[in-house]
C-alpha cells in the first residue's frame, strides 16, 4: 500500500455517511473511492491491491487515483525493453458519487491511450444527473462509449464494501431505510441515461462538453 494513500480501512460512520444512497445527500461534498486492482494473467486474475481515496486539495478523487496508477499498477506502461509486453490490469471502483463531466471526459481520454486497462465503476449516487441536458449525463455516456462498465450499487455491493474496505470490528452490515428502493430508482435512471445514442446525439454531447 502506498503511504500517501488514505489508510486502507474506512471508519464505519464515515462509510455509512458518504455511501448512503439517500435521495437528498446534503452536506456530502466529498467523493470517496474504494478500489480493487487486479492484474490479469491469461484467463486468471490476481488481486494486487485495494484501498480507498477521497478528494484532496481541490483534486477530484478520480484524477487523484490516476496520479497513483503507476505505483498501483507496475508495468502498465511497460518497462521499455525491446519486445516487452505491458501488463494488463482490471480496476474496480466503488464511488460515493458518479464522476463529474470533466472527470468523465479525462478518464475516457486516458483509457483510449491505455488499452491494457479495464475499468468498472459502481456508484452509490448520481452526481448532477437530474436535468435531461446535464453535462454529467453526457459525461457518463462518453465513459460508457469508452468501454467503462457503470453500475449503481446494490445491497450486495454495499455489503462487499463493508466487508472489504471498512474497519467494521466484527460488526455486521445493516441496510438503511430505503436502500433497496433508492438503488432500484437510481438503476432505472442510469439505464435511461446510458441508452444507446445516435451519431447526431453523440455530436451534440461532444459539443456540450466543448470538444
C-alpha atoms as a PDB file:
ATOM      1  CA  UNK A   1       0.000   0.000   0.000  1.00  0.00           C
ATOM      2  CA  UNK A   2       1.317   3.426  -0.947  1.00  0.00           C
ATOM      3  CA  UNK A   3       1.962   5.618   2.089  1.00  0.00           C
ATOM      4  CA  UNK A   4       0.328   8.690   0.535  1.00  0.00           C
ATOM      5  CA  UNK A   5      -2.960   6.891   0.028  1.00  0.00           C
ATOM      6  CA  UNK A   6      -5.576   7.084   2.736  1.00  0.00           C
ATOM      7  CA  UNK A   7      -5.480   4.336   5.348  1.00  0.00           C
ATOM      8  CA  UNK A   8      -6.674   1.029   3.976  1.00  0.00           C
ATOM      9  CA  UNK A   9      -9.889   0.800   6.005  1.00  0.00           C
ATOM     10  CA  UNK A  10     -12.668   3.373   6.292  1.00  0.00           C
ATOM     11  CA  UNK A  11     -14.228   4.155   9.677  1.00  0.00           C
ATOM     12  CA  UNK A  12     -17.736   2.702   9.890  1.00  0.00           C
ATOM     13  CA  UNK A  13     -19.557   6.004  10.427  1.00  0.00           C
ATOM     14  CA  UNK A  14     -17.685   7.670   7.576  1.00  0.00           C
ATOM     15  CA  UNK A  15     -18.580   4.869   5.155  1.00  0.00           C
ATOM     16  CA  UNK A  16     -22.284   4.977   6.091  1.00  0.00           C
ATOM     17  CA  UNK A  17     -22.415   8.772   5.854  1.00  0.00           C
ATOM     18  CA  UNK A  18     -20.698   9.100   2.479  1.00  0.00           C
ATOM     19  CA  UNK A  19     -22.056   5.984   0.764  1.00  0.00           C
ATOM     20  CA  UNK A  20     -25.661   6.144   1.937  1.00  0.00           C
ATOM     21  CA  UNK A  21     -27.741   6.266  -1.265  1.00  0.00           C
ATOM     22  CA  UNK A  22     -30.278   8.776   0.048  1.00  0.00           C
ATOM     23  CA  UNK A  23     -32.329  10.870  -2.355  1.00  0.00           C
ATOM     24  CA  UNK A  24     -31.121  14.193  -0.911  1.00  0.00           C
ATOM     25  CA  UNK A  25     -27.449  13.846   0.059  1.00  0.00           C
ATOM     26  CA  UNK A  26     -26.935  17.267   1.606  1.00  0.00           C
ATOM     27  CA  UNK A  27     -23.534  18.101   3.048  1.00  0.00           C
ATOM     28  CA  UNK A  28     -21.724  15.326   1.210  1.00  0.00           C
ATOM     29  CA  UNK A  29     -19.305  17.478  -0.749  1.00  0.00           C
ATOM     30  CA  UNK A  30     -16.514  14.898  -0.903  1.00  0.00           C
ATOM     31  CA  UNK A  31     -16.336  11.845  -3.109  1.00  0.00           C
ATOM     32  CA  UNK A  32     -14.930   8.632  -1.686  1.00  0.00           C
ATOM     33  CA  UNK A  33     -13.494   5.968  -3.960  1.00  0.00           C
ATOM     34  CA  UNK A  34     -12.827   2.400  -2.805  1.00  0.00           C
ATOM     35  CA  UNK A  35     -10.786   0.425  -5.298  1.00  0.00           C
ATOM     36  CA  UNK A  36      -9.645  -3.081  -6.128  1.00  0.00           C
ATOM     37  CA  UNK A  37      -6.766  -3.546  -8.567  1.00  0.00           C
ATOM     38  CA  UNK A  38      -6.324  -6.896 -10.295  1.00  0.00           C
ATOM     39  CA  UNK A  39      -3.524  -7.905 -12.607  1.00  0.00           C
ATOM     40  CA  UNK A  40      -4.796 -10.084 -15.419  1.00  0.00           C
ATOM     41  CA  UNK A  41      -2.589 -13.016 -16.379  1.00  0.00           C
ATOM     42  CA  UNK A  42      -4.176 -15.064 -19.136  1.00  0.00           C
ATOM     43  CA  UNK A  43      -7.634 -16.282 -18.092  1.00  0.00           C
ATOM     44  CA  UNK A  44      -6.871 -15.680 -14.395  1.00  0.00           C
ATOM     45  CA  UNK A  45      -6.851 -12.514 -12.298  1.00  0.00           C
ATOM     46  CA  UNK A  46      -4.616 -11.880  -9.320  1.00  0.00           C
ATOM     47  CA  UNK A  47      -5.696  -9.341  -6.705  1.00  0.00           C
ATOM     48  CA  UNK A  48      -2.862  -6.861  -6.468  1.00  0.00           C
ATOM     49  CA  UNK A  49      -4.013  -4.031  -4.197  1.00  0.00           C
ATOM     50  CA  UNK A  50      -7.014  -2.372  -2.588  1.00  0.00           C
ATOM     51  CA  UNK A  51      -7.784   0.723  -0.548  1.00  0.00           C
ATOM     52  CA  UNK A  52      -9.652   3.998  -0.711  1.00  0.00           C
ATOM     53  CA  UNK A  53      -9.161   7.644  -1.618  1.00  0.00           C
ATOM     54  CA  UNK A  54     -11.089  10.891  -1.232  1.00  0.00           C
ATOM     55  CA  UNK A  55     -10.870  14.355  -2.765  1.00  0.00           C
ATOM     56  CA  UNK A  56      -7.771  16.273  -1.671  1.00  0.00           C
ATOM     57  CA  UNK A  57      -6.691  19.886  -2.153  1.00  0.00           C
ATOM     58  CA  UNK A  58      -9.299  20.549  -4.826  1.00  0.00           C
ATOM     59  CA  UNK A  59      -8.304  17.483  -6.860  1.00  0.00           C
ATOM     60  CA  UNK A  60     -11.202  15.184  -7.697  1.00  0.00           C
ATOM     61  CA  UNK A  61     -10.687  11.658  -6.455  1.00  0.00           C
ATOM     62  CA  UNK A  62     -10.801  10.109  -9.946  1.00  0.00           C
ATOM     63  CA  UNK A  63      -7.853  12.225 -11.072  1.00  0.00           C
ATOM     64  CA  UNK A  64      -6.073  11.578  -7.779  1.00  0.00           C
ATOM     65  CA  UNK A  65      -6.314   7.861  -8.440  1.00  0.00           C
ATOM     66  CA  UNK A  66      -4.629   8.305 -11.819  1.00  0.00           C
ATOM     67  CA  UNK A  67      -1.708  10.031 -10.074  1.00  0.00           C
ATOM     68  CA  UNK A  68      -1.036   6.819  -8.170  1.00  0.00           C
ATOM     69  CA  UNK A  69      -1.725   4.494 -11.079  1.00  0.00           C
ATOM     70  CA  UNK A  70       1.910   3.800 -11.865  1.00  0.00           C
ATOM     71  CA  UNK A  71       2.546   2.640  -8.290  1.00  0.00           C
ATOM     72  CA  UNK A  72      -0.707   0.667  -8.083  1.00  0.00           C
ATOM     73  CA  UNK A  73      -0.212  -0.979 -11.484  1.00  0.00           C
ATOM     74  CA  UNK A  74       3.521  -1.648 -12.018  1.00  0.00           C
ATOM     75  CA  UNK A  75       4.328  -2.355 -15.643  1.00  0.00           C
ATOM     76  CA  UNK A  76       1.096  -0.929 -17.019  1.00  0.00           C
ATOM     77  CA  UNK A  77       3.104   1.210 -19.443  1.00  0.00           C
ATOM     78  CA  UNK A  78       5.825  -1.403 -19.928  1.00  0.00           C
ATOM     79  CA  UNK A  79       9.426  -1.295 -18.842  1.00  0.00           C
ATOM     80  CA  UNK A  80      10.857  -0.005 -22.070  1.00  0.00           C
ATOM     81  CA  UNK A  81      12.585  -3.225 -23.030  1.00  0.00           C
ATOM     82  CA  UNK A  82      12.522  -4.382 -26.627  1.00  0.00           C
ATOM     83  CA  UNK A  83       9.571  -6.668 -27.246  1.00  0.00           C
ATOM     84  CA  UNK A  84       8.398  -6.436 -23.636  1.00  0.00           C
ATOM     85  CA  UNK A  85       4.647  -6.556 -23.261  1.00  0.00           C
ATOM     86  CA  UNK A  86       2.760  -4.229 -20.973  1.00  0.00           C
ATOM     87  CA  UNK A  87       0.858  -5.900 -18.160  1.00  0.00           C
ATOM     88  CA  UNK A  88      -2.944  -5.868 -18.251  1.00  0.00           C
ATOM     89  CA  UNK A  89      -4.997  -4.658 -15.296  1.00  0.00           C
ATOM     90  CA  UNK A  90      -8.619  -4.696 -14.248  1.00  0.00           C
ATOM     91  CA  UNK A  91      -9.700  -1.974 -11.814  1.00  0.00           C
ATOM     92  CA  UNK A  92     -12.987  -1.724  -9.944  1.00  0.00           C
ATOM     93  CA  UNK A  93     -14.142   1.476  -8.246  1.00  0.00           C
ATOM     94  CA  UNK A  94     -16.908   1.856  -5.695  1.00  0.00           C
ATOM     95  CA  UNK A  95     -17.659   5.596  -5.631  1.00  0.00           C
ATOM     96  CA  UNK A  96     -19.940   7.581  -3.358  1.00  0.00           C
ATOM     97  CA  UNK A  97     -20.752   9.879  -6.314  1.00  0.00           C
ATOM     98  CA  UNK A  98     -20.629   9.247 -10.050  1.00  0.00           C
ATOM     99  CA  UNK A  99     -17.887  11.214 -11.875  1.00  0.00           C
ATOM    100  CA  UNK A 100     -18.447  14.819 -12.917  1.00  0.00           C
ATOM    101  CA  UNK A 101     -18.440  15.685 -16.629  1.00  0.00           C
ATOM    102  CA  UNK A 102     -14.815  16.839 -16.718  1.00  0.00           C
ATOM    103  CA  UNK A 103     -13.540  13.729 -14.908  1.00  0.00           C
ATOM    104  CA  UNK A 104     -15.591  11.502 -17.213  1.00  0.00           C
ATOM    105  CA  UNK A 105     -14.032  13.130 -20.254  1.00  0.00           C
ATOM    106  CA  UNK A 106     -10.485  12.913 -18.904  1.00  0.00           C
ATOM    107  CA  UNK A 107     -10.981   9.294 -17.882  1.00  0.00           C
ATOM    108  CA  UNK A 108     -12.283   8.416 -21.355  1.00  0.00           C
ATOM    109  CA  UNK A 109      -9.277  10.095 -22.958  1.00  0.00           C
ATOM    110  CA  UNK A 110      -6.898   8.304 -20.603  1.00  0.00           C
ATOM    111  CA  UNK A 111      -8.471   4.902 -21.261  1.00  0.00           C
ATOM    112  CA  UNK A 112      -8.251   5.420 -25.018  1.00  0.00           C
ATOM    113  CA  UNK A 113      -4.470   5.663 -24.528  1.00  0.00           C
ATOM    114  CA  UNK A 114      -4.291   2.695 -22.137  1.00  0.00           C
ATOM    115  CA  UNK A 115      -5.922  -0.286 -23.887  1.00  0.00           C
ATOM    116  CA  UNK A 116      -4.450  -2.746 -21.362  1.00  0.00           C
ATOM    117  CA  UNK A 117      -6.539  -1.219 -18.554  1.00  0.00           C
ATOM    118  CA  UNK A 118     -10.169  -2.150 -17.937  1.00  0.00           C
ATOM    119  CA  UNK A 119     -12.288  -0.048 -15.577  1.00  0.00           C
ATOM    120  CA  UNK A 120     -15.589  -0.816 -13.848  1.00  0.00           C
ATOM    121  CA  UNK A 121     -17.350   1.846 -11.767  1.00  0.00           C
ATOM    122  CA  UNK A 122     -20.022   1.165  -9.175  1.00  0.00           C
ATOM    123  CA  UNK A 123     -21.687   4.326  -7.848  1.00  0.00           C
ATOM    124  CA  UNK A 124     -23.830   4.942  -4.793  1.00  0.00           C
ATOM    125  CA  UNK A 125     -25.408   8.165  -6.111  1.00  0.00           C
ATOM    126  CA  UNK A 126     -25.600  10.037  -9.426  1.00  0.00           C
ATOM    127  CA  UNK A 127     -23.903  13.433  -9.471  1.00  0.00           C
ATOM    128  CA  UNK A 128     -25.958  16.285 -11.017  1.00  0.00           C
ATOM    129  CA  UNK A 129     -27.885  13.953 -13.336  1.00  0.00           C
ATOM    130  CA  UNK A 130     -31.416  15.251 -12.752  1.00  0.00           C
ATOM    131  CA  UNK A 131     -31.558  17.551 -15.801  1.00  0.00           C
ATOM    132  CA  UNK A 132     -32.034  15.941 -19.213  1.00  0.00           C
ATOM    133  CA  UNK A 133     -29.320  18.128 -20.775  1.00  0.00           C
ATOM    134  CA  UNK A 134     -26.879  17.711 -17.868  1.00  0.00           C
ATOM    135  CA  UNK A 135     -23.191  17.684 -18.831  1.00  0.00           C
ATOM    136  CA  UNK A 136     -22.752  14.933 -16.258  1.00  0.00           C
ATOM    137  CA  UNK A 137     -25.198  12.722 -18.143  1.00  0.00           C
ATOM    138  CA  UNK A 138     -23.248  13.240 -21.355  1.00  0.00           C
ATOM    139  CA  UNK A 139     -20.037  12.503 -19.488  1.00  0.00           C
ATOM    140  CA  UNK A 140     -21.393   9.142 -18.327  1.00  0.00           C
ATOM    141  CA  UNK A 141     -22.386   8.280 -21.903  1.00  0.00           C
ATOM    142  CA  UNK A 142     -18.874   9.097 -23.090  1.00  0.00           C
ATOM    143  CA  UNK A 143     -17.451   6.846 -20.365  1.00  0.00           C
ATOM    144  CA  UNK A 144     -19.717   4.021 -21.489  1.00  0.00           C
ATOM    145  CA  UNK A 145     -18.628   4.506 -25.094  1.00  0.00           C
ATOM    146  CA  UNK A 146     -15.023   4.321 -23.858  1.00  0.00           C
ATOM    147  CA  UNK A 147     -15.733   0.811 -22.588  1.00  0.00           C
ATOM    148  CA  UNK A 148     -16.333   1.593 -18.913  1.00  0.00           C
ATOM    149  CA  UNK A 149     -18.967  -0.514 -17.179  1.00  0.00           C
ATOM    150  CA  UNK A 150     -21.015   1.831 -14.957  1.00  0.00           C
ATOM    151  CA  UNK A 151     -23.417   0.332 -12.424  1.00  0.00           C
ATOM    152  CA  UNK A 152     -25.456   1.587  -9.464  1.00  0.00           C
ATOM    153  CA  UNK A 153     -24.528  -0.097  -6.181  1.00  0.00           C
ATOM    154  CA  UNK A 154     -26.992  -2.607  -4.760  1.00  0.00           C
ATOM    155  CA  UNK A 155     -27.197  -4.211  -1.325  1.00  0.00           C
ATOM    156  CA  UNK A 156     -24.608  -6.841  -2.252  1.00  0.00           C
ATOM    157  CA  UNK A 157     -22.162  -4.120  -3.372  1.00  0.00           C
ATOM    158  CA  UNK A 158     -22.571  -2.175  -0.126  1.00  0.00           C
ATOM    159  CA  UNK A 159     -22.137  -5.437   1.777  1.00  0.00           C
ATOM    160  CA  UNK A 160     -18.966  -6.233  -0.208  1.00  0.00           C
ATOM    161  CA  UNK A 161     -17.553  -2.777   0.531  1.00  0.00           C
ATOM    162  CA  UNK A 162     -18.423  -3.157   4.209  1.00  0.00           C
ATOM    163  CA  UNK A 163     -16.581  -6.479   4.360  1.00  0.00           C
ATOM    164  CA  UNK A 164     -13.609  -5.297   2.292  1.00  0.00           C
ATOM    165  CA  UNK A 165     -12.964  -1.612   2.947  1.00  0.00           C
ATOM    166  CA  UNK A 166     -14.483  -0.786   6.344  1.00  0.00           C
ATOM    167  CA  UNK A 167     -12.953  -1.027   9.796  1.00  0.00           C
ATOM    168  CA  UNK A 168     -16.071  -2.827  10.974  1.00  0.00           C
ATOM    169  CA  UNK A 169     -14.644  -4.507  14.099  1.00  0.00           C
ATOM    170  CA  UNK A 170     -16.724  -7.649  13.509  1.00  0.00           C
ATOM    171  CA  UNK A 171     -19.968  -5.653  13.258  1.00  0.00           C
ATOM    172  CA  UNK A 172     -22.385  -6.786  10.547  1.00  0.00           C
ATOM    173  CA  UNK A 173     -23.698  -4.576   7.769  1.00  0.00           C
ATOM    174  CA  UNK A 174     -27.217  -3.271   8.369  1.00  0.00           C
ATOM    175  CA  UNK A 175     -29.154  -1.863   5.432  1.00  0.00           C
ATOM    176  CA  UNK A 176     -30.502   1.641   5.997  1.00  0.00           C
ATOM    177  CA  UNK A 177     -34.094   2.608   5.259  1.00  0.00           C
ATOM    178  CA  UNK A 178     -34.947   2.587   1.546  1.00  0.00           C
ATOM    179  CA  UNK A 179     -31.533   1.287   0.455  1.00  0.00           C
ATOM    180  CA  UNK A 180     -33.157  -1.138  -1.987  1.00  0.00           C
ATOM    181  CA  UNK A 181     -35.810   1.322  -3.235  1.00  0.00           C
ATOM    182  CA  UNK A 182     -33.224   4.031  -3.880  1.00  0.00           C
ATOM    183  CA  UNK A 183     -30.909   1.575  -5.610  1.00  0.00           C
ATOM    184  CA  UNK A 184     -33.714   0.460  -7.942  1.00  0.00           C
ATOM    185  CA  UNK A 185     -34.694   4.077  -8.655  1.00  0.00           C
ATOM    186  CA  UNK A 186     -31.106   5.062  -9.467  1.00  0.00           C
ATOM    187  CA  UNK A 187     -30.560   1.933 -11.556  1.00  0.00           C
ATOM    188  CA  UNK A 188     -33.551   2.815 -13.713  1.00  0.00           C
ATOM    189  CA  UNK A 189     -32.340   6.392 -14.004  1.00  0.00           C
ATOM    190  CA  UNK A 190     -28.842   5.314 -15.035  1.00  0.00           C
ATOM    191  CA  UNK A 191     -30.307   2.863 -17.551  1.00  0.00           C
ATOM    192  CA  UNK A 192     -32.234   5.701 -19.216  1.00  0.00           C
ATOM    193  CA  UNK A 193     -29.139   7.900 -19.241  1.00  0.00           C
ATOM    194  CA  UNK A 194     -26.947   5.233 -20.833  1.00  0.00           C
ATOM    195  CA  UNK A 195     -29.357   4.229 -23.581  1.00  0.00           C
ATOM    196  CA  UNK A 196     -27.584   3.906 -26.952  1.00  0.00           C
ATOM    197  CA  UNK A 197     -27.148   7.256 -28.664  1.00  0.00           C
ATOM    198  CA  UNK A 198     -27.422   8.010 -32.365  1.00  0.00           C
ATOM    199  CA  UNK A 199     -24.416   9.595 -34.068  1.00  0.00           C
ATOM    200  CA  UNK A 200     -26.079  13.016 -34.068  1.00  0.00           C
ATOM    201  CA  UNK A 201     -26.707  12.674 -30.333  1.00  0.00           C
ATOM    202  CA  UNK A 202     -23.015  11.979 -29.774  1.00  0.00           C
ATOM    203  CA  UNK A 203     -22.072  15.071 -31.769  1.00  0.00           C
ATOM    204  CA  UNK A 204     -24.349  17.134 -29.549  1.00  0.00           C
ATOM    205  CA  UNK A 205     -22.759  15.533 -26.480  1.00  0.00           C
ATOM    206  CA  UNK A 206     -19.227  16.433 -27.586  1.00  0.00           C
ATOM    207  CA  UNK A 207     -20.375  19.967 -28.400  1.00  0.00           C
ATOM    208  CA  UNK A 208     -21.881  20.261 -24.922  1.00  0.00           C
ATOM    209  CA  UNK A 209     -18.570  19.195 -23.379  1.00  0.00           C
ATOM    210  CA  UNK A 210     -16.651  21.704 -25.534  1.00  0.00           C
ATOM    211  CA  UNK A 211     -14.971  19.175 -27.838  1.00  0.00           C
END
